[in-house]
């Protein structure tokens, strides 16, 4: 595994498979990693990354997505684009009170 940005780990299909076997699982679903189309299926279909923030930080241009599992347990994805940004500078809301403080 490779440490990236000091906050997470990048891993390949071998690590994913070992994790799934050790925990008696068949699928790993993770989040909070920007994906251009809102989600990405990797590692032979055994790892899914889903990201629900379209145009992350007002700069990435990515789509958002969410995942739903019906009774068949097959993942169903819904992708969506961002809505127009309110009239405040990008990330101003991070300062508190919607950037108005």
PDB file of N, CA and C in Angstrom:
ATOM      1  N   UNK A   1       0.841  -1.181   0.000  1.00  0.00           N
ATOM      2  CA  UNK A   1       0.000   0.000   0.000  1.00  0.00           C
ATOM      3  C   UNK A   1       0.883   1.239   0.000  1.00  0.00           C
ATOM      4  N   UNK A   2       0.381   2.263  -0.630  1.00  0.00           N
ATOM      5  CA  UNK A   2       1.120   3.525  -0.727  1.00  0.00           C
ATOM      6  C   UNK A   2       0.344   4.621  -0.013  1.00  0.00           C
ATOM      7  N   UNK A   3       0.994   5.300   0.904  1.00  0.00           N
ATOM      8  CA  UNK A   3       0.368   6.398   1.623  1.00  0.00           C
ATOM      9  C   UNK A   3       0.313   7.623   0.719  1.00  0.00           C
ATOM     10  N   UNK A   4      -0.871   8.223   0.595  1.00  0.00           N
ATOM     11  CA  UNK A   4      -1.044   9.418  -0.223  1.00  0.00           C
ATOM     12  C   UNK A   4      -1.593  10.545   0.645  1.00  0.00           C
ATOM     13  N   UNK A   5      -1.010  11.728   0.533  1.00  0.00           N
ATOM     14  CA  UNK A   5      -1.462  12.930   1.226  1.00  0.00           C
ATOM     15  C   UNK A   5      -1.544  12.776   2.731  1.00  0.00           C
ATOM     16  N   UNK A   6      -1.083  11.669   3.275  1.00  0.00           N
ATOM     17  CA  UNK A   6      -1.105  11.479   4.714  1.00  0.00           C
ATOM     18  C   UNK A   6      -2.470  11.171   5.294  1.00  0.00           C
ATOM     19  N   UNK A   7      -3.493  10.924   4.466  1.00  0.00           N
ATOM     20  CA  UNK A   7      -4.832  10.701   4.993  1.00  0.00           C
ATOM     21  C   UNK A   7      -5.468   9.393   4.537  1.00  0.00           C
ATOM     22  N   UNK A   8      -4.825   8.632   3.683  1.00  0.00           N
ATOM     23  CA  UNK A   8      -5.442   7.403   3.217  1.00  0.00           C
ATOM     24  C   UNK A   8      -4.428   6.482   2.584  1.00  0.00           C
ATOM     25  N   UNK A   9      -4.918   5.390   2.059  1.00  0.00           N
ATOM     26  CA  UNK A   9      -4.060   4.397   1.435  1.00  0.00           C
ATOM     27  C   UNK A   9      -4.559   4.075   0.039  1.00  0.00           C
ATOM     28  N   UNK A  10      -3.627   3.954  -0.897  1.00  0.00           N
ATOM     29  CA  UNK A  10      -3.936   3.428  -2.230  1.00  0.00           C
ATOM     30  C   UNK A  10      -3.617   1.942  -2.177  1.00  0.00           C
ATOM     31  N   UNK A  11      -4.428   1.114  -2.818  1.00  0.00           N
ATOM     32  CA  UNK A  11      -4.198  -0.326  -2.776  1.00  0.00           C
ATOM     33  C   UNK A  11      -4.639  -0.952  -4.093  1.00  0.00           C
ATOM     34  N   UNK A  12      -4.078  -2.082  -4.379  1.00  0.00           N
ATOM     35  CA  UNK A  12      -4.383  -2.794  -5.615  1.00  0.00           C
ATOM     36  C   UNK A  12      -5.319  -3.961  -5.377  1.00  0.00           C
ATOM     37  N   UNK A  13      -5.574  -4.734  -6.436  1.00  0.00           N
ATOM     38  CA  UNK A  13      -6.515  -5.850  -6.332  1.00  0.00           C
ATOM     39  C   UNK A  13      -6.072  -6.932  -5.350  1.00  0.00           C
ATOM     40  N   UNK A  14      -4.776  -7.106  -5.161  1.00  0.00           N
ATOM     41  CA  UNK A  14      -4.301  -8.127  -4.217  1.00  0.00           C
ATOM     42  C   UNK A  14      -4.689  -7.774  -2.780  1.00  0.00           C
ATOM     43  N   UNK A  15      -4.551  -6.511  -2.425  1.00  0.00           N
ATOM     44  CA  UNK A  15      -4.917  -6.068  -1.072  1.00  0.00           C
ATOM     45  C   UNK A  15      -6.435  -6.131  -0.899  1.00  0.00           C
ATOM     46  N   UNK A  16      -7.170  -5.709  -1.907  1.00  0.00           N
ATOM     47  CA  UNK A  16      -8.634  -5.761  -1.839  1.00  0.00           C
ATOM     48  C   UNK A  16      -9.105  -7.199  -1.648  1.00  0.00           C
ATOM     49  N   UNK A  17      -8.551  -8.116  -2.427  1.00  0.00           N
ATOM     50  CA  UNK A  17      -8.944  -9.529  -2.334  1.00  0.00           C
ATOM     51  C   UNK A  17      -8.616 -10.097  -0.955  1.00  0.00           C
ATOM     52  N   UNK A  18      -7.439  -9.787  -0.432  1.00  0.00           N
ATOM     53  CA  UNK A  18      -7.058 -10.273   0.899  1.00  0.00           C
ATOM     54  C   UNK A  18      -8.006  -9.733   1.967  1.00  0.00           C
ATOM     55  N   UNK A  19      -8.367  -8.441   1.869  1.00  0.00           N
ATOM     56  CA  UNK A  19      -9.296  -7.838   2.827  1.00  0.00           C
ATOM     57  C   UNK A  19     -10.656  -8.529   2.760  1.00  0.00           C
ATOM     58  N   UNK A  20     -11.160  -8.738   1.546  1.00  0.00           N
ATOM     59  CA  UNK A  20     -12.462  -9.371   1.379  1.00  0.00           C
ATOM     60  C   UNK A  20     -12.456 -10.791   1.926  1.00  0.00           C
ATOM     61  N   UNK A  21     -11.426 -11.557   1.618  1.00  0.00           N
ATOM     62  CA  UNK A  21     -11.335 -12.936   2.119  1.00  0.00           C
ATOM     63  C   UNK A  21     -11.248 -12.964   3.636  1.00  0.00           C
ATOM     64  N   UNK A  22     -10.394 -12.131   4.211  1.00  0.00           N
ATOM     65  CA  UNK A  22     -10.195 -12.103   5.666  1.00  0.00           C
ATOM     66  C   UNK A  22     -11.488 -11.744   6.406  1.00  0.00           C
ATOM     67  N   UNK A  23     -12.331 -10.947   5.781  1.00  0.00           N
ATOM     68  CA  UNK A  23     -13.568 -10.490   6.416  1.00  0.00           C
ATOM     69  C   UNK A  23     -14.817 -11.166   5.882  1.00  0.00           C
ATOM     70  N   UNK A  24     -14.621 -12.211   5.072  1.00  0.00           N
ATOM     71  CA  UNK A  24     -15.741 -12.980   4.518  1.00  0.00           C
ATOM     72  C   UNK A  24     -16.744 -12.080   3.791  1.00  0.00           C
ATOM     73  N   UNK A  25     -16.202 -11.224   2.925  1.00  0.00           N
ATOM     74  CA  UNK A  25     -17.016 -10.292   2.144  1.00  0.00           C
ATOM     75  C   UNK A  25     -16.810 -10.565   0.658  1.00  0.00           C
ATOM     76  N   UNK A  26     -17.734 -10.074  -0.153  1.00  0.00           N
ATOM     77  CA  UNK A  26     -17.597 -10.231  -1.604  1.00  0.00           C
ATOM     78  C   UNK A  26     -17.413  -8.908  -2.329  1.00  0.00           C
ATOM     79  N   UNK A  27     -17.622  -7.783  -1.629  1.00  0.00           N
ATOM     80  CA  UNK A  27     -17.541  -6.476  -2.267  1.00  0.00           C
ATOM     81  C   UNK A  27     -17.095  -5.437  -1.253  1.00  0.00           C
ATOM     82  N   UNK A  28     -16.244  -4.525  -1.695  1.00  0.00           N
ATOM     83  CA  UNK A  28     -15.791  -3.397  -0.883  1.00  0.00           C
ATOM     84  C   UNK A  28     -16.317  -2.127  -1.532  1.00  0.00           C
ATOM     85  N   UNK A  29     -17.091  -1.353  -0.787  1.00  0.00           N
ATOM     86  CA  UNK A  29     -17.595  -0.062  -1.264  1.00  0.00           C
ATOM     87  C   UNK A  29     -16.984   1.009  -0.371  1.00  0.00           C
ATOM     88  N   UNK A  30     -16.328   1.968  -1.011  1.00  0.00           N
ATOM     89  CA  UNK A  30     -15.681   3.046  -0.272  1.00  0.00           C
ATOM     90  C   UNK A  30     -16.103   4.381  -0.860  1.00  0.00           C
ATOM     91  N   UNK A  31     -15.748   5.460  -0.169  1.00  0.00           N
ATOM     92  CA  UNK A  31     -16.190   6.776  -0.623  1.00  0.00           C
ATOM     93  C   UNK A  31     -15.130   7.824  -0.358  1.00  0.00           C
ATOM     94  N   UNK A  32     -15.477   9.033  -0.701  1.00  0.00           N
ATOM     95  CA  UNK A  32     -14.685  10.242  -0.502  1.00  0.00           C
ATOM     96  C   UNK A  32     -13.338  10.201  -1.218  1.00  0.00           C
ATOM     97  N   UNK A  33     -13.404   9.831  -2.460  1.00  0.00           N
ATOM     98  CA  UNK A  33     -12.266   9.972  -3.361  1.00  0.00           C
ATOM     99  C   UNK A  33     -12.844  10.413  -4.699  1.00  0.00           C
ATOM    100  N   UNK A  34     -12.421  11.566  -5.200  1.00  0.00           N
ATOM    101  CA  UNK A  34     -12.999  12.127  -6.422  1.00  0.00           C
ATOM    102  C   UNK A  34     -12.851  11.146  -7.575  1.00  0.00           C
ATOM    103  N   UNK A  35     -13.957  10.900  -8.257  1.00  0.00           N
ATOM    104  CA  UNK A  35     -13.977  10.080  -9.468  1.00  0.00           C
ATOM    105  C   UNK A  35     -14.688  10.881 -10.551  1.00  0.00           C
ATOM    106  N   UNK A  36     -14.099  10.926 -11.717  1.00  0.00           N
ATOM    107  CA  UNK A  36     -14.599  11.766 -12.813  1.00  0.00           C
ATOM    108  C   UNK A  36     -16.083  11.543 -13.088  1.00  0.00           C
ATOM    109  N   UNK A  37     -16.515  10.296 -13.112  1.00  0.00           N
ATOM    110  CA  UNK A  37     -17.914   9.978 -13.424  1.00  0.00           C
ATOM    111  C   UNK A  37     -18.770   9.781 -12.170  1.00  0.00           C
ATOM    112  N   UNK A  38     -18.211  10.073 -10.984  1.00  0.00           N
ATOM    113  CA  UNK A  38     -18.958   9.931  -9.741  1.00  0.00           C
ATOM    114  C   UNK A  38     -18.747   8.595  -9.051  1.00  0.00           C
ATOM    115  N   UNK A  39     -18.319   7.609  -9.799  1.00  0.00           N
ATOM    116  CA  UNK A  39     -18.001   6.310  -9.212  1.00  0.00           C
ATOM    117  C   UNK A  39     -17.024   5.585 -10.125  1.00  0.00           C
ATOM    118  N   UNK A  40     -16.388   4.561  -9.563  1.00  0.00           N
ATOM    119  CA  UNK A  40     -15.463   3.744 -10.338  1.00  0.00           C
ATOM    120  C   UNK A  40     -15.491   2.327  -9.783  1.00  0.00           C
ATOM    121  N   UNK A  41     -15.656   1.353 -10.670  1.00  0.00           N
ATOM    122  CA  UNK A  41     -15.618  -0.059 -10.303  1.00  0.00           C
ATOM    123  C   UNK A  41     -14.237  -0.579 -10.684  1.00  0.00           C
ATOM    124  N   UNK A  42     -13.533  -1.170  -9.719  1.00  0.00           N
ATOM    125  CA  UNK A  42     -12.164  -1.631  -9.932  1.00  0.00           C
ATOM    126  C   UNK A  42     -11.968  -3.043  -9.391  1.00  0.00           C
ATOM    127  N   UNK A  43     -10.752  -3.529  -9.559  1.00  0.00           N
ATOM    128  CA  UNK A  43     -10.306  -4.803  -8.979  1.00  0.00           C
ATOM    129  C   UNK A  43     -11.240  -5.948  -9.354  1.00  0.00           C
ATOM    130  N   UNK A  44     -11.524  -6.048 -10.647  1.00  0.00           N
ATOM    131  CA  UNK A  44     -12.374  -7.138 -11.117  1.00  0.00           C
ATOM    132  C   UNK A  44     -13.799  -7.053 -10.619  1.00  0.00           C
ATOM    133  N   UNK A  45     -14.263  -5.833 -10.364  1.00  0.00           N
ATOM    134  CA  UNK A  45     -15.629  -5.635  -9.887  1.00  0.00           C
ATOM    135  C   UNK A  45     -15.786  -5.799  -8.390  1.00  0.00           C
ATOM    136  N   UNK A  46     -14.687  -5.953  -7.662  1.00  0.00           N
ATOM    137  CA  UNK A  46     -14.771  -6.198  -6.227  1.00  0.00           C
ATOM    138  C   UNK A  46     -14.585  -4.953  -5.369  1.00  0.00           C
ATOM    139  N   UNK A  47     -14.175  -3.852  -5.976  1.00  0.00           N
ATOM    140  CA  UNK A  47     -14.030  -2.591  -5.244  1.00  0.00           C
ATOM    141  C   UNK A  47     -14.782  -1.505  -5.996  1.00  0.00           C
ATOM    142  N   UNK A  48     -15.647  -0.801  -5.285  1.00  0.00           N
ATOM    143  CA  UNK A  48     -16.392   0.319  -5.856  1.00  0.00           C
ATOM    144  C   UNK A  48     -16.083   1.556  -5.033  1.00  0.00           C
ATOM    145  N   UNK A  49     -15.694   2.618  -5.723  1.00  0.00           N
ATOM    146  CA  UNK A  49     -15.535   3.921  -5.081  1.00  0.00           C
ATOM    147  C   UNK A  49     -16.675   4.794  -5.576  1.00  0.00           C
ATOM    148  N   UNK A  50     -17.401   5.392  -4.652  1.00  0.00           N
ATOM    149  CA  UNK A  50     -18.512   6.275  -5.011  1.00  0.00           C
ATOM    150  C   UNK A  50     -18.275   7.631  -4.348  1.00  0.00           C
ATOM    151  N   UNK A  51     -18.530   8.697  -5.105  1.00  0.00           N
ATOM    152  CA  UNK A  51     -18.263  10.055  -4.624  1.00  0.00           C
ATOM    153  C   UNK A  51     -19.469  10.922  -4.947  1.00  0.00           C
ATOM    154  N   UNK A  52     -20.105  11.489  -3.924  1.00  0.00           N
ATOM    155  CA  UNK A  52     -21.388  12.165  -4.116  1.00  0.00           C
ATOM    156  C   UNK A  52     -21.303  13.677  -4.255  1.00  0.00           C
ATOM    157  N   UNK A  53     -20.100  14.237  -4.337  1.00  0.00           N
ATOM    158  CA  UNK A  53     -19.962  15.694  -4.430  1.00  0.00           C
ATOM    159  C   UNK A  53     -19.571  16.097  -5.852  1.00  0.00           C
ATOM    160  N   UNK A  54     -20.548  16.504  -6.678  1.00  0.00           N
ATOM    161  CA  UNK A  54     -20.198  16.914  -8.037  1.00  0.00           C
ATOM    162  C   UNK A  54     -19.429  18.234  -8.036  1.00  0.00           C
ATOM    163  N   UNK A  55     -18.523  18.368  -8.975  1.00  0.00           N
ATOM    164  CA  UNK A  55     -17.668  19.553  -9.087  1.00  0.00           C
ATOM    165  C   UNK A  55     -17.038  19.894  -7.739  1.00  0.00           C
ATOM    166  N   UNK A  56     -16.368  18.892  -7.167  1.00  0.00           N
ATOM    167  CA  UNK A  56     -15.788  18.981  -5.838  1.00  0.00           C
ATOM    168  C   UNK A  56     -14.940  20.242  -5.672  1.00  0.00           C
ATOM    169  N   UNK A  57     -15.136  20.924  -4.555  1.00  0.00           N
ATOM    170  CA  UNK A  57     -14.451  22.188  -4.220  1.00  0.00           C
ATOM    171  C   UNK A  57     -14.640  23.240  -5.307  1.00  0.00           C
ATOM    172  N   UNK A  58     -15.703  23.116  -6.070  1.00  0.00           N
ATOM    173  CA  UNK A  58     -16.039  24.081  -7.121  1.00  0.00           C
ATOM    174  C   UNK A  58     -14.988  24.143  -8.225  1.00  0.00           C
ATOM    175  N   UNK A  59     -14.141  23.130  -8.329  1.00  0.00           N
ATOM    176  CA  UNK A  59     -13.052  23.203  -9.309  1.00  0.00           C
ATOM    177  C   UNK A  59     -12.811  21.914 -10.079  1.00  0.00           C
ATOM    178  N   UNK A  60     -13.281  20.773  -9.612  1.00  0.00           N
ATOM    179  CA  UNK A  60     -12.863  19.490 -10.187  1.00  0.00           C
ATOM    180  C   UNK A  60     -13.611  19.102 -11.464  1.00  0.00           C
ATOM    181  N   UNK A  61     -14.835  19.575 -11.644  1.00  0.00           N
ATOM    182  CA  UNK A  61     -15.589  19.246 -12.849  1.00  0.00           C
ATOM    183  C   UNK A  61     -16.122  17.824 -12.884  1.00  0.00           C
ATOM    184  N   UNK A  62     -16.021  17.078 -11.785  1.00  0.00           N
ATOM    185  CA  UNK A  62     -16.484  15.690 -11.732  1.00  0.00           C
ATOM    186  C   UNK A  62     -17.996  15.613 -11.551  1.00  0.00           C
ATOM    187  N   UNK A  63     -18.555  14.475 -11.880  1.00  0.00           N
ATOM    188  CA  UNK A  63     -19.952  14.182 -11.581  1.00  0.00           C
ATOM    189  C   UNK A  63     -20.022  13.602 -10.176  1.00  0.00           C
ATOM    190  N   UNK A  64     -21.201  13.615  -9.598  1.00  0.00           N
ATOM    191  CA  UNK A  64     -21.461  12.943  -8.334  1.00  0.00           C
ATOM    192  C   UNK A  64     -22.250  11.683  -8.622  1.00  0.00           C
ATOM    193  N   UNK A  65     -22.296  10.779  -7.668  1.00  0.00           N
ATOM    194  CA  UNK A  65     -23.064   9.546  -7.847  1.00  0.00           C
ATOM    195  C   UNK A  65     -23.485   8.999  -6.495  1.00  0.00           C
ATOM    196  N   UNK A  66     -24.514   8.157  -6.542  1.00  0.00           N
ATOM    197  CA  UNK A  66     -24.836   7.346  -5.377  1.00  0.00           C
ATOM    198  C   UNK A  66     -25.142   5.944  -5.856  1.00  0.00           C
ATOM    199  N   UNK A  67     -25.082   5.017  -4.937  1.00  0.00           N
ATOM    200  CA  UNK A  67     -25.242   3.600  -5.249  1.00  0.00           C
ATOM    201  C   UNK A  67     -26.430   3.062  -4.465  1.00  0.00           C
ATOM    202  N   UNK A  68     -27.169   2.157  -5.099  1.00  0.00           N
ATOM    203  CA  UNK A  68     -28.324   1.526  -4.480  1.00  0.00           C
ATOM    204  C   UNK A  68     -28.227   0.029  -4.743  1.00  0.00           C
ATOM    205  N   UNK A  69     -28.513  -0.753  -3.731  1.00  0.00           N
ATOM    206  CA  UNK A  69     -28.556  -2.204  -3.880  1.00  0.00           C
ATOM    207  C   UNK A  69     -29.998  -2.650  -3.707  1.00  0.00           C
ATOM    208  N   UNK A  70     -30.560  -3.283  -4.739  1.00  0.00           N
ATOM    209  CA  UNK A  70     -31.915  -3.805  -4.614  1.00  0.00           C
ATOM    210  C   UNK A  70     -31.847  -5.232  -4.064  1.00  0.00           C
ATOM    211  N   UNK A  71     -32.931  -5.967  -4.126  1.00  0.00           N
ATOM    212  CA  UNK A  71     -32.970  -7.312  -3.542  1.00  0.00           C
ATOM    213  C   UNK A  71     -32.011  -8.291  -4.225  1.00  0.00           C
ATOM    214  N   UNK A  72     -31.578  -7.997  -5.451  1.00  0.00           N
ATOM    215  CA  UNK A  72     -30.619  -8.866  -6.142  1.00  0.00           C
ATOM    216  C   UNK A  72     -29.182  -8.612  -5.673  1.00  0.00           C
ATOM    217  N   UNK A  73     -28.988  -7.550  -4.888  1.00  0.00           N
ATOM    218  CA  UNK A  73     -27.687  -7.115  -4.385  1.00  0.00           C
ATOM    219  C   UNK A  73     -26.719  -6.694  -5.481  1.00  0.00           C
ATOM    220  N   UNK A  74     -27.242  -6.416  -6.664  1.00  0.00           N
ATOM    221  CA  UNK A  74     -26.426  -5.854  -7.740  1.00  0.00           C
ATOM    222  C   UNK A  74     -26.414  -4.340  -7.582  1.00  0.00           C
ATOM    223  N   UNK A  75     -25.249  -3.724  -7.672  1.00  0.00           N
ATOM    224  CA  UNK A  75     -25.201  -2.266  -7.504  1.00  0.00           C
ATOM    225  C   UNK A  75     -25.853  -1.540  -8.677  1.00  0.00           C
ATOM    226  N   UNK A  76     -26.646  -0.544  -8.353  1.00  0.00           N
ATOM    227  CA  UNK A  76     -27.264   0.338  -9.348  1.00  0.00           C
ATOM    228  C   UNK A  76     -26.752   1.745  -9.057  1.00  0.00           C
ATOM    229  N   UNK A  77     -26.216   2.402 -10.086  1.00  0.00           N
ATOM    230  CA  UNK A  77     -25.601   3.703  -9.901  1.00  0.00           C
ATOM    231  C   UNK A  77     -26.477   4.799 -10.495  1.00  0.00           C
ATOM    232  N   UNK A  78     -26.537   5.918  -9.812  1.00  0.00           N
ATOM    233  CA  UNK A  78     -27.174   7.126 -10.333  1.00  0.00           C
ATOM    234  C   UNK A  78     -26.119   8.219 -10.327  1.00  0.00           C
ATOM    235  N   UNK A  79     -25.860   8.786 -11.504  1.00  0.00           N
ATOM    236  CA  UNK A  79     -24.892   9.879 -11.635  1.00  0.00           C
ATOM    237  C   UNK A  79     -25.642  11.197 -11.763  1.00  0.00           C
ATOM    238  N   UNK A  80     -25.015  12.272 -11.308  1.00  0.00           N
ATOM    239  CA  UNK A  80     -25.630  13.589 -11.432  1.00  0.00           C
ATOM    240  C   UNK A  80     -24.546  14.656 -11.526  1.00  0.00           C
ATOM    241  N   UNK A  81     -24.940  15.796 -12.069  1.00  0.00           N
ATOM    242  CA  UNK A  81     -24.025  16.932 -12.211  1.00  0.00           C
ATOM    243  C   UNK A  81     -24.354  17.985 -11.168  1.00  0.00           C
ATOM    244  N   UNK A  82     -23.467  18.937 -11.013  1.00  0.00           N
ATOM    245  CA  UNK A  82     -23.679  19.990 -10.023  1.00  0.00           C
ATOM    246  C   UNK A  82     -24.744  20.965 -10.513  1.00  0.00           C
ATOM    247  N   UNK A  83     -25.289  21.694  -9.574  1.00  0.00           N
ATOM    248  CA  UNK A  83     -26.220  22.780  -9.892  1.00  0.00           C
ATOM    249  C   UNK A  83     -25.409  24.069  -9.911  1.00  0.00           C
ATOM    250  N   UNK A  84     -25.945  25.136 -10.487  1.00  0.00           N
ATOM    251  CA  UNK A  84     -25.192  26.389 -10.502  1.00  0.00           C
ATOM    252  C   UNK A  84     -24.788  26.816  -9.091  1.00  0.00           C
ATOM    253  N   UNK A  85     -23.594  27.327  -8.996  1.00  0.00           N
ATOM    254  CA  UNK A  85     -23.047  27.745  -7.708  1.00  0.00           C
ATOM    255  C   UNK A  85     -23.682  29.056  -7.267  1.00  0.00           C
ATOM    256  N   UNK A  86     -23.967  29.209  -5.965  1.00  0.00           N
ATOM    257  CA  UNK A  86     -24.490  30.492  -5.483  1.00  0.00           C
ATOM    258  C   UNK A  86     -23.459  31.601  -5.669  1.00  0.00           C
ATOM    259  N   UNK A  87     -23.875  32.830  -5.597  1.00  0.00           N
ATOM    260  CA  UNK A  87     -22.965  33.948  -5.874  1.00  0.00           C
ATOM    261  C   UNK A  87     -21.995  34.258  -4.732  1.00  0.00           C
ATOM    262  N   UNK A  88     -21.185  33.273  -4.368  1.00  0.00           N
ATOM    263  CA  UNK A  88     -20.091  33.460  -3.408  1.00  0.00           C
ATOM    264  C   UNK A  88     -18.853  32.835  -4.015  1.00  0.00           C
ATOM    265  N   UNK A  89     -17.687  33.327  -3.630  1.00  0.00           N
ATOM    266  CA  UNK A  89     -16.469  32.777  -4.215  1.00  0.00           C
ATOM    267  C   UNK A  89     -16.302  31.317  -3.805  1.00  0.00           C
ATOM    268  N   UNK A  90     -15.651  30.501  -4.624  1.00  0.00           N
ATOM    269  CA  UNK A  90     -15.488  29.080  -4.319  1.00  0.00           C
ATOM    270  C   UNK A  90     -14.885  28.862  -2.935  1.00  0.00           C
ATOM    271  N   UNK A  91     -15.433  27.892  -2.219  1.00  0.00           N
ATOM    272  CA  UNK A  91     -15.005  27.472  -0.894  1.00  0.00           C
ATOM    273  C   UNK A  91     -15.205  28.527   0.189  1.00  0.00           C
ATOM    274  N   UNK A  92     -15.866  29.632  -0.098  1.00  0.00           N
ATOM    275  CA  UNK A  92     -16.090  30.657   0.907  1.00  0.00           C
ATOM    276  C   UNK A  92     -16.937  30.107   2.059  1.00  0.00           C
ATOM    277  N   UNK A  93     -17.823  29.182   1.752  1.00  0.00           N
ATOM    278  CA  UNK A  93     -18.695  28.603   2.783  1.00  0.00           C
ATOM    279  C   UNK A  93     -17.878  27.851   3.830  1.00  0.00           C
ATOM    280  N   UNK A  94     -16.662  27.432   3.517  1.00  0.00           N
ATOM    281  CA  UNK A  94     -15.832  26.696   4.460  1.00  0.00           C
ATOM    282  C   UNK A  94     -15.421  27.575   5.643  1.00  0.00           C
ATOM    283  N   UNK A  95     -15.476  28.882   5.472  1.00  0.00           N
ATOM    284  CA  UNK A  95     -15.107  29.802   6.550  1.00  0.00           C
ATOM    285  C   UNK A  95     -16.194  29.911   7.609  1.00  0.00           C
ATOM    286  N   UNK A  96     -17.372  29.390   7.334  1.00  0.00           N
ATOM    287  CA  UNK A  96     -18.480  29.433   8.301  1.00  0.00           C
ATOM    288  C   UNK A  96     -19.594  30.341   7.823  1.00  0.00           C
ATOM    289  N   UNK A  97     -20.793  30.034   8.217  1.00  0.00           N
ATOM    290  CA  UNK A  97     -21.998  30.796   7.908  1.00  0.00           C
ATOM    291  C   UNK A  97     -22.151  31.077   6.418  1.00  0.00           C
ATOM    292  N   UNK A  98     -21.869  30.087   5.593  1.00  0.00           N
ATOM    293  CA  UNK A  98     -22.086  30.225   4.165  1.00  0.00           C
ATOM    294  C   UNK A  98     -21.204  31.265   3.507  1.00  0.00           C
ATOM    295  N   UNK A  99     -20.089  31.591   4.100  1.00  0.00           N
ATOM    296  CA  UNK A  99     -19.188  32.570   3.517  1.00  0.00           C
ATOM    297  C   UNK A  99     -19.601  34.007   3.756  1.00  0.00           C
ATOM    298  N   UNK A 100     -20.630  34.168   4.567  1.00  0.00           N
ATOM    299  CA  UNK A 100     -21.152  35.506   4.807  1.00  0.00           C
ATOM    300  C   UNK A 100     -20.612  36.130   6.091  1.00  0.00           C
ATOM    301  N   UNK A 101     -19.896  35.351   6.869  1.00  0.00           N
ATOM    302  CA  UNK A 101     -19.393  35.860   8.156  1.00  0.00           C
ATOM    303  C   UNK A 101     -18.125  36.671   7.966  1.00  0.00           C
TER     304      UNK A 101
END
